[in-house]
Amino acid sequence: MKLFIKLMIAILVIGILLPFSLLKGKDGNPVFSFGDLKLPSISLPDAPKLSGAEDPWGGDNIYGWTDAEGNAQFSNSLPPEGVEYTVKGYDPSLNIIQAVEVLPDEPEKVVERESNKEISTAKDIGNPYSPDKIEKLFEDANNIERLLNQRLSDQEAVIGQ
């Protein structure tokens, strides 16, 4: 499989380089030259022009006024003529949600245990699960160990060791 992949890559490289080297045109020159290769021209659209008086924040304006009935009105379009209004600008790209302080994680406490001490019962392990289930787990593990030891001794007896 690796040889096949290497072969396919080699064929691809040769296929790409042939028009630049061995394949000749009517004039005797290679079909393509590296001078023919050019990067496409990429241009970004012009940024919108902002008028400083109308749009000091670079976003949209909100107009606020009080109507004839005394209700507060807010709109992104100008209020009716002759009404006194205020202009509030906002930047839609700003985050208006207050940041939450994340406390750094506390390092976990490492509990060292004696490496020579053998765990033989569930009481030797500080475990939040019920002691009865842990005792059963240890009994099952001991039974499996006995079964494997028995199988090993049976195999050794058959082999003659």
N, C-alpha and C. Protein backbone atom coordinates (compact mmCIF):
# COMPACT_ATOMS: atom_id res chain seq x y z
N MET A 1 0.83 -1.19 0.00
CA MET A 1 0.00 0.00 0.00
C MET A 1 0.86 1.25 0.00
N LYS A 2 1.95 1.24 0.81
CA LYS A 2 2.85 2.39 0.85
C LYS A 2 3.55 2.57 -0.49
N LEU A 3 3.92 1.46 -1.14
CA LEU A 3 4.56 1.54 -2.43
C LEU A 3 3.61 2.14 -3.47
N PHE A 4 2.36 1.75 -3.41
CA PHE A 4 1.35 2.28 -4.33
C PHE A 4 1.19 3.79 -4.15
N ILE A 5 1.16 4.24 -2.91
CA ILE A 5 1.02 5.68 -2.64
C ILE A 5 2.23 6.43 -3.16
N LYS A 6 3.44 5.89 -2.93
CA LYS A 6 4.65 6.53 -3.42
C LYS A 6 4.66 6.59 -4.94
N LEU A 7 4.22 5.52 -5.59
CA LEU A 7 4.14 5.48 -7.04
C LEU A 7 3.16 6.52 -7.57
N MET A 8 2.02 6.66 -6.94
CA MET A 8 1.02 7.64 -7.37
C MET A 8 1.55 9.07 -7.20
N ILE A 9 2.26 9.34 -6.13
CA ILE A 9 2.84 10.67 -5.91
C ILE A 9 3.90 10.96 -6.97
N ALA A 10 4.73 9.96 -7.30
CA ALA A 10 5.76 10.14 -8.32
C ALA A 10 5.12 10.43 -9.67
N ILE A 11 4.07 9.70 -10.03
CA ILE A 11 3.37 9.93 -11.30
C ILE A 11 2.77 11.32 -11.32
N LEU A 12 2.21 11.77 -10.23
CA LEU A 12 1.63 13.11 -10.15
C LEU A 12 2.69 14.19 -10.34
N VAL A 13 3.83 14.04 -9.69
CA VAL A 13 4.91 15.02 -9.82
C VAL A 13 5.42 15.05 -11.26
N ILE A 14 5.62 13.88 -11.85
CA ILE A 14 6.09 13.84 -13.24
C ILE A 14 5.07 14.47 -14.17
N GLY A 15 3.79 14.18 -13.96
CA GLY A 15 2.74 14.75 -14.79
C GLY A 15 2.68 16.27 -14.69
N ILE A 16 2.97 16.81 -13.52
CA ILE A 16 2.96 18.27 -13.35
C ILE A 16 4.19 18.89 -14.01
N LEU A 17 5.34 18.24 -13.93
CA LEU A 17 6.57 18.82 -14.45
C LEU A 17 6.76 18.64 -15.95
N LEU A 18 6.09 17.68 -16.59
CA LEU A 18 6.26 17.43 -18.02
C LEU A 18 6.03 18.66 -18.89
N PRO A 19 4.93 19.40 -18.72
CA PRO A 19 4.73 20.56 -19.61
C PRO A 19 5.79 21.64 -19.43
N PHE A 20 6.51 21.62 -18.32
CA PHE A 20 7.54 22.63 -18.07
C PHE A 20 8.91 22.18 -18.57
N SER A 21 9.05 20.90 -18.94
CA SER A 21 10.38 20.43 -19.30
C SER A 21 10.40 19.68 -20.63
N LEU A 22 9.83 18.50 -20.72
CA LEU A 22 9.98 17.65 -21.89
C LEU A 22 9.01 17.96 -23.02
N LEU A 23 7.80 18.34 -22.72
CA LEU A 23 6.83 18.61 -23.77
C LEU A 23 7.15 19.96 -24.43
N LYS A 24 7.38 19.92 -25.72
CA LYS A 24 7.77 21.13 -26.45
C LYS A 24 6.62 21.58 -27.34
N GLY A 25 6.52 22.88 -27.54
CA GLY A 25 5.53 23.45 -28.45
C GLY A 25 6.07 23.49 -29.87
N LYS A 26 5.34 24.12 -30.80
CA LYS A 26 5.74 24.21 -32.20
C LYS A 26 7.03 25.00 -32.37
N ASP A 27 7.28 25.92 -31.48
CA ASP A 27 8.48 26.74 -31.57
C ASP A 27 9.70 26.08 -30.94
N GLY A 28 9.55 24.91 -30.35
CA GLY A 28 10.67 24.19 -29.76
C GLY A 28 10.88 24.51 -28.29
N ASN A 29 10.13 25.44 -27.74
CA ASN A 29 10.24 25.78 -26.33
C ASN A 29 9.26 24.93 -25.53
N PRO A 30 9.51 24.78 -24.22
CA PRO A 30 8.54 24.03 -23.40
C PRO A 30 7.16 24.67 -23.48
N VAL A 31 6.12 23.83 -23.34
CA VAL A 31 4.74 24.30 -23.44
C VAL A 31 4.46 25.38 -22.41
N PHE A 32 4.92 25.18 -21.20
CA PHE A 32 4.75 26.16 -20.14
C PHE A 32 6.11 26.55 -19.61
N SER A 33 6.18 27.72 -19.03
CA SER A 33 7.39 28.12 -18.33
C SER A 33 6.97 28.61 -16.94
N PHE A 34 7.92 28.59 -16.06
CA PHE A 34 7.60 29.01 -14.70
C PHE A 34 7.28 30.50 -14.64
N GLY A 35 7.72 31.26 -15.65
CA GLY A 35 7.39 32.67 -15.73
C GLY A 35 5.91 32.90 -16.02
N ASP A 36 5.24 31.88 -16.61
CA ASP A 36 3.81 31.99 -16.90
C ASP A 36 2.96 31.89 -15.64
N LEU A 37 3.52 31.35 -14.60
CA LEU A 37 2.75 31.16 -13.37
C LEU A 37 2.65 32.48 -12.61
N LYS A 38 1.45 32.87 -12.31
CA LYS A 38 1.22 34.10 -11.56
C LYS A 38 0.13 33.85 -10.52
N LEU A 39 0.26 34.54 -9.41
CA LEU A 39 -0.78 34.45 -8.39
C LEU A 39 -1.96 35.31 -8.81
N PRO A 40 -3.17 34.87 -8.50
CA PRO A 40 -4.32 35.70 -8.84
C PRO A 40 -4.32 36.96 -8.00
N SER A 41 -4.83 38.03 -8.60
CA SER A 41 -4.90 39.28 -7.84
C SER A 41 -6.13 39.25 -6.96
N ILE A 42 -5.91 39.47 -5.70
CA ILE A 42 -7.00 39.45 -4.73
C ILE A 42 -7.10 40.84 -4.13
N SER A 43 -8.27 41.41 -4.18
CA SER A 43 -8.45 42.72 -3.57
C SER A 43 -9.64 42.67 -2.62
N LEU A 44 -9.48 43.34 -1.52
CA LEU A 44 -10.55 43.39 -0.54
C LEU A 44 -11.49 44.54 -0.87
N PRO A 45 -12.77 44.40 -0.57
CA PRO A 45 -13.68 45.51 -0.84
C PRO A 45 -13.34 46.71 0.04
N ASP A 46 -13.62 47.89 -0.48
CA ASP A 46 -13.35 49.10 0.28
C ASP A 46 -14.23 49.17 1.51
N ALA A 47 -13.64 49.66 2.59
CA ALA A 47 -14.40 49.83 3.82
C ALA A 47 -15.38 50.98 3.64
N PRO A 48 -16.57 50.88 4.23
CA PRO A 48 -17.54 51.97 4.08
C PRO A 48 -17.02 53.24 4.75
N LYS A 49 -17.30 54.34 4.13
CA LYS A 49 -16.88 55.63 4.67
C LYS A 49 -17.86 56.05 5.75
N LEU A 50 -17.32 56.47 6.88
CA LEU A 50 -18.15 56.89 8.00
C LEU A 50 -18.05 58.40 8.14
N SER A 51 -19.18 59.01 8.37
CA SER A 51 -19.14 60.44 8.66
C SER A 51 -19.07 60.59 10.17
N GLY A 52 -18.09 61.34 10.64
CA GLY A 52 -17.84 61.43 12.07
C GLY A 52 -18.99 62.00 12.86
N ALA A 53 -19.75 62.95 12.30
CA ALA A 53 -20.82 63.59 13.06
C ALA A 53 -22.00 62.64 13.26
N GLU A 54 -22.33 61.88 12.23
CA GLU A 54 -23.50 61.01 12.35
C GLU A 54 -23.17 59.69 13.04
N ASP A 55 -21.97 59.20 12.83
CA ASP A 55 -21.66 57.86 13.26
C ASP A 55 -20.32 57.79 13.98
N PRO A 56 -20.22 58.33 15.19
CA PRO A 56 -18.93 58.37 15.87
C PRO A 56 -18.44 57.01 16.33
N TRP A 57 -19.31 56.01 16.48
CA TRP A 57 -18.92 54.70 16.99
C TRP A 57 -18.68 53.69 15.89
N GLY A 58 -18.94 54.05 14.65
CA GLY A 58 -18.73 53.12 13.56
C GLY A 58 -19.86 52.13 13.41
N GLY A 59 -20.97 52.31 14.08
CA GLY A 59 -22.10 51.41 13.97
C GLY A 59 -23.34 52.17 13.57
N ASP A 60 -24.49 51.72 14.02
CA ASP A 60 -25.75 52.37 13.70
C ASP A 60 -26.14 53.34 14.81
N ASN A 61 -27.08 54.22 14.47
CA ASN A 61 -27.57 55.18 15.45
C ASN A 61 -28.96 54.79 15.93
N ILE A 62 -29.23 55.04 17.17
CA ILE A 62 -30.56 54.86 17.75
C ILE A 62 -31.05 56.24 18.16
N TYR A 63 -32.23 56.57 17.71
CA TYR A 63 -32.82 57.87 18.03
C TYR A 63 -33.87 57.67 19.11
N GLY A 64 -33.80 58.49 20.13
CA GLY A 64 -34.76 58.41 21.23
C GLY A 64 -35.50 59.73 21.39
N TRP A 65 -36.83 59.67 21.60
CA TRP A 65 -37.63 60.87 21.80
C TRP A 65 -38.89 60.49 22.57
N THR A 66 -39.58 61.47 23.01
CA THR A 66 -40.85 61.26 23.72
C THR A 66 -41.97 61.74 22.81
N ASP A 67 -42.99 60.86 22.61
CA ASP A 67 -44.09 61.24 21.72
C ASP A 67 -45.10 62.14 22.43
N ALA A 68 -46.15 62.50 21.74
CA ALA A 68 -47.15 63.43 22.27
C ALA A 68 -47.87 62.88 23.50
N GLU A 69 -47.95 61.55 23.62
CA GLU A 69 -48.64 60.93 24.76
C GLU A 69 -47.70 60.72 25.94
N GLY A 70 -46.42 61.05 25.79
CA GLY A 70 -45.47 60.91 26.89
C GLY A 70 -44.75 59.58 26.91
N ASN A 71 -44.92 58.76 25.87
CA ASN A 71 -44.24 57.46 25.80
C ASN A 71 -42.85 57.62 25.18
N ALA A 72 -41.90 56.90 25.72
CA ALA A 72 -40.55 56.93 25.17
C ALA A 72 -40.53 56.10 23.90
N GLN A 73 -39.95 56.65 22.85
CA GLN A 73 -39.84 55.98 21.57
C GLN A 73 -38.37 55.84 21.20
N PHE A 74 -38.02 54.69 20.62
CA PHE A 74 -36.66 54.44 20.15
C PHE A 74 -36.75 53.85 18.75
N SER A 75 -35.88 54.31 17.86
CA SER A 75 -35.92 53.82 16.48
C SER A 75 -34.55 54.03 15.85
N ASN A 76 -34.31 53.27 14.77
CA ASN A 76 -33.07 53.48 14.04
C ASN A 76 -33.27 54.45 12.86
N SER A 77 -34.50 54.98 12.74
CA SER A 77 -34.76 56.01 11.73
C SER A 77 -35.09 57.32 12.45
N LEU A 78 -34.93 58.40 11.73
CA LEU A 78 -35.16 59.71 12.34
C LEU A 78 -36.61 59.87 12.78
N PRO A 79 -36.84 60.58 13.89
CA PRO A 79 -38.21 60.81 14.36
C PRO A 79 -38.91 61.85 13.46
N PRO A 80 -40.22 62.06 13.63
CA PRO A 80 -40.92 63.06 12.82
C PRO A 80 -40.29 64.44 13.02
N GLU A 81 -40.45 65.27 12.02
CA GLU A 81 -39.87 66.62 12.06
C GLU A 81 -40.48 67.43 13.20
N GLY A 82 -39.66 68.25 13.81
CA GLY A 82 -40.12 69.12 14.87
C GLY A 82 -40.08 68.48 16.24
N VAL A 83 -39.68 67.20 16.35
CA VAL A 83 -39.61 66.51 17.64
C VAL A 83 -38.17 66.56 18.13
N GLU A 84 -38.00 66.91 19.37
CA GLU A 84 -36.67 66.94 19.96
C GLU A 84 -36.25 65.50 20.27
N TYR A 85 -35.03 65.11 19.87
CA TYR A 85 -34.59 63.73 20.05
C TYR A 85 -33.12 63.71 20.47
N THR A 86 -32.71 62.54 20.94
CA THR A 86 -31.30 62.30 21.28
C THR A 86 -30.79 61.19 20.39
N VAL A 87 -29.50 61.20 20.14
CA VAL A 87 -28.88 60.18 19.29
C VAL A 87 -27.95 59.33 20.16
N LYS A 88 -28.14 58.04 20.08
CA LYS A 88 -27.27 57.09 20.77
C LYS A 88 -26.64 56.21 19.70
N GLY A 89 -25.35 56.13 19.70
CA GLY A 89 -24.67 55.26 18.74
C GLY A 89 -24.30 53.96 19.41
N TYR A 90 -24.22 52.91 18.61
CA TYR A 90 -23.76 51.64 19.16
C TYR A 90 -22.97 50.91 18.09
N ASP A 91 -22.10 50.07 18.54
CA ASP A 91 -21.28 49.26 17.64
C ASP A 91 -21.79 47.83 17.74
N PRO A 92 -22.37 47.29 16.68
CA PRO A 92 -22.93 45.93 16.77
C PRO A 92 -21.87 44.86 16.98
N SER A 93 -20.61 45.19 16.76
CA SER A 93 -19.57 44.18 16.95
C SER A 93 -19.09 44.11 18.39
N LEU A 94 -19.56 45.02 19.24
CA LEU A 94 -19.14 44.98 20.65
C LEU A 94 -19.91 43.93 21.41
N ASN A 95 -19.29 43.38 22.41
CA ASN A 95 -19.93 42.39 23.27
C ASN A 95 -20.58 43.13 24.44
N ILE A 96 -21.87 42.97 24.61
CA ILE A 96 -22.55 43.69 25.68
C ILE A 96 -22.79 42.81 26.90
N ILE A 97 -22.33 41.57 26.83
CA ILE A 97 -22.49 40.67 27.97
C ILE A 97 -21.26 40.80 28.85
N GLN A 98 -21.47 40.98 30.13
CA GLN A 98 -20.36 41.15 31.04
C GLN A 98 -19.56 39.86 31.13
N ALA A 99 -18.26 40.00 31.15
CA ALA A 99 -17.39 38.84 31.22
C ALA A 99 -17.49 38.20 32.60
N VAL A 100 -17.29 36.90 32.63
CA VAL A 100 -17.31 36.15 33.88
C VAL A 100 -15.88 35.79 34.22
N GLU A 101 -15.49 36.06 35.44
CA GLU A 101 -14.14 35.74 35.87
C GLU A 101 -14.06 34.25 36.16
N VAL A 102 -13.11 33.61 35.52
CA VAL A 102 -12.90 32.18 35.71
C VAL A 102 -11.72 32.01 36.65
N LEU A 103 -11.94 31.33 37.74
CA LEU A 103 -10.88 31.10 38.71
C LEU A 103 -9.96 29.99 38.21
N PRO A 104 -8.67 30.10 38.45
CA PRO A 104 -7.76 29.05 37.99
C PRO A 104 -8.01 27.76 38.76
N ASP A 105 -7.78 26.65 38.07
CA ASP A 105 -7.96 25.34 38.71
C ASP A 105 -6.93 25.17 39.82
N GLU A 106 -7.39 24.60 40.92
CA GLU A 106 -6.47 24.31 42.01
C GLU A 106 -5.75 23.00 41.70
N PRO A 107 -4.48 22.92 42.00
CA PRO A 107 -3.78 21.66 41.73
C PRO A 107 -4.34 20.55 42.61
N GLU A 108 -4.45 19.38 42.01
CA GLU A 108 -4.98 18.24 42.77
C GLU A 108 -3.95 17.77 43.79
N LYS A 109 -4.45 17.34 44.90
CA LYS A 109 -3.57 16.82 45.93
C LYS A 109 -3.18 15.39 45.56
N VAL A 110 -1.90 15.13 45.59
CA VAL A 110 -1.40 13.80 45.25
C VAL A 110 -1.25 13.01 46.54
N VAL A 111 -1.89 11.87 46.55
CA VAL A 111 -1.82 11.01 47.72
C VAL A 111 -0.88 9.87 47.38
N GLU A 112 0.21 9.79 48.12
CA GLU A 112 1.17 8.72 47.86
C GLU A 112 0.83 7.53 48.74
N ARG A 113 1.01 6.37 48.15
CA ARG A 113 0.79 5.17 48.96
C ARG A 113 2.04 4.32 48.88
N GLU A 114 2.17 3.47 49.81
CA GLU A 114 3.36 2.63 49.87
C GLU A 114 3.33 1.65 48.71
N SER A 115 4.42 1.58 47.96
CA SER A 115 4.45 0.70 46.80
C SER A 115 4.58 -0.77 47.20
N ASN A 116 5.12 -1.03 48.37
CA ASN A 116 5.29 -2.42 48.81
C ASN A 116 4.01 -2.99 49.39
N LYS A 117 3.10 -2.13 49.80
CA LYS A 117 1.88 -2.61 50.43
C LYS A 117 0.95 -3.18 49.37
N GLU A 118 0.51 -4.40 49.57
CA GLU A 118 -0.37 -5.06 48.60
C GLU A 118 -1.82 -4.83 49.02
N ILE A 119 -2.66 -4.49 48.04
CA ILE A 119 -4.08 -4.29 48.33
C ILE A 119 -4.75 -5.65 48.22
N SER A 120 -5.31 -6.10 49.31
CA SER A 120 -5.92 -7.42 49.29
C SER A 120 -7.40 -7.40 49.63
N THR A 121 -7.87 -6.31 50.19
CA THR A 121 -9.29 -6.21 50.52
C THR A 121 -9.81 -4.85 50.11
N ALA A 122 -11.11 -4.73 50.06
CA ALA A 122 -11.74 -3.47 49.67
C ALA A 122 -11.51 -2.39 50.72
N LYS A 123 -11.24 -2.78 51.94
CA LYS A 123 -11.03 -1.81 53.00
C LYS A 123 -9.71 -1.07 52.82
N ASP A 124 -8.78 -1.65 52.02
CA ASP A 124 -7.50 -1.00 51.76
C ASP A 124 -7.64 0.16 50.77
N ILE A 125 -8.76 0.23 50.08
CA ILE A 125 -8.98 1.29 49.09
C ILE A 125 -9.96 2.29 49.67
N GLY A 126 -9.64 3.58 49.58
CA GLY A 126 -10.59 4.60 49.98
C GLY A 126 -11.52 4.87 48.81
N ASN A 127 -12.66 4.20 48.74
CA ASN A 127 -13.54 4.28 47.59
C ASN A 127 -14.92 4.70 48.02
N PRO A 128 -15.60 5.56 47.27
CA PRO A 128 -16.94 6.01 47.67
C PRO A 128 -18.04 5.00 47.40
N TYR A 129 -17.73 3.90 46.70
CA TYR A 129 -18.76 2.92 46.40
C TYR A 129 -18.99 2.02 47.61
N SER A 130 -20.08 1.27 47.56
CA SER A 130 -20.44 0.46 48.71
C SER A 130 -19.39 -0.62 48.96
N PRO A 131 -19.05 -0.83 50.21
CA PRO A 131 -18.02 -1.83 50.54
C PRO A 131 -18.42 -3.25 50.11
N ASP A 132 -19.71 -3.55 50.13
CA ASP A 132 -20.14 -4.90 49.74
C ASP A 132 -19.82 -5.18 48.27
N LYS A 133 -20.08 -4.19 47.40
CA LYS A 133 -19.81 -4.39 45.98
C LYS A 133 -18.31 -4.47 45.72
N ILE A 134 -17.53 -3.72 46.44
CA ILE A 134 -16.08 -3.76 46.28
C ILE A 134 -15.55 -5.11 46.76
N GLU A 135 -16.09 -5.61 47.88
CA GLU A 135 -15.69 -6.93 48.37
C GLU A 135 -15.98 -8.00 47.32
N LYS A 136 -17.14 -7.91 46.67
CA LYS A 136 -17.51 -8.88 45.64
C LYS A 136 -16.56 -8.77 44.45
N LEU A 137 -16.18 -7.55 44.11
CA LEU A 137 -15.24 -7.34 43.01
C LEU A 137 -13.90 -8.01 43.32
N PHE A 138 -13.41 -7.84 44.53
CA PHE A 138 -12.16 -8.48 44.91
C PHE A 138 -12.29 -10.00 44.93
N GLU A 139 -13.40 -10.51 45.39
CA GLU A 139 -13.62 -11.97 45.39
C GLU A 139 -13.62 -12.50 43.96
N ASP A 140 -14.28 -11.79 43.04
CA ASP A 140 -14.30 -12.21 41.64
C ASP A 140 -12.89 -12.21 41.06
N ALA A 141 -12.12 -11.16 41.35
CA ALA A 141 -10.75 -11.07 40.85
C ALA A 141 -9.90 -12.21 41.40
N ASN A 142 -10.05 -12.53 42.69
CA ASN A 142 -9.30 -13.65 43.28
C ASN A 142 -9.71 -14.97 42.66
N ASN A 143 -11.01 -15.17 42.38
CA ASN A 143 -11.47 -16.40 41.73
C ASN A 143 -10.89 -16.53 40.33
N ILE A 144 -10.82 -15.41 39.57
CA ILE A 144 -10.24 -15.45 38.23
C ILE A 144 -8.76 -15.79 38.31
N GLU A 145 -8.07 -15.22 39.30
CA GLU A 145 -6.66 -15.53 39.47
C GLU A 145 -6.46 -17.01 39.76
N ARG A 146 -7.29 -17.58 40.65
CA ARG A 146 -7.20 -19.01 40.96
C ARG A 146 -7.47 -19.86 39.72
N LEU A 147 -8.46 -19.46 38.92
CA LEU A 147 -8.80 -20.20 37.71
C LEU A 147 -7.64 -20.18 36.72
N LEU A 148 -7.02 -19.01 36.52
CA LEU A 148 -5.90 -18.92 35.60
C LEU A 148 -4.69 -19.71 36.09
N ASN A 149 -4.44 -19.68 37.39
CA ASN A 149 -3.34 -20.47 37.94
C ASN A 149 -3.60 -21.97 37.76
N GLN A 150 -4.84 -22.39 37.92
CA GLN A 150 -5.20 -23.80 37.72
C GLN A 150 -4.98 -24.21 36.27
N ARG A 151 -5.40 -23.34 35.34
CA ARG A 151 -5.21 -23.65 33.91
C ARG A 151 -3.72 -23.74 33.58
N LEU A 152 -2.91 -22.84 34.14
CA LEU A 152 -1.48 -22.88 33.90
C LEU A 152 -0.87 -24.17 34.41
N SER A 153 -1.27 -24.59 35.60
CA SER A 153 -0.71 -25.85 36.14
C SER A 153 -1.17 -27.04 35.32
N ASP A 154 -2.43 -27.02 34.81
CA ASP A 154 -2.90 -28.11 33.95
C ASP A 154 -2.11 -28.16 32.65
N GLN A 155 -1.80 -26.99 32.04
CA GLN A 155 -1.04 -26.96 30.81
C GLN A 155 0.38 -27.46 31.04
N GLU A 156 0.99 -27.09 32.16
CA GLU A 156 2.34 -27.54 32.46
C GLU A 156 2.37 -29.04 32.68
N ALA A 157 1.29 -29.59 33.27
CA ALA A 157 1.22 -31.03 33.49
C ALA A 157 1.12 -31.77 32.15
N VAL A 158 0.36 -31.22 31.22
CA VAL A 158 0.21 -31.87 29.90
C VAL A 158 1.53 -31.80 29.13
N ILE A 159 2.21 -30.66 29.20
CA ILE A 159 3.48 -30.50 28.48
C ILE A 159 4.56 -31.36 29.11
N GLY A 160 4.47 -31.60 30.41
CA GLY A 160 5.45 -32.46 31.11
C GLY A 160 6.53 -31.66 31.79
N GLN A 161 6.26 -30.48 32.19
CA GLN A 161 7.27 -29.67 32.88
C GLN A 161 7.17 -29.83 34.37
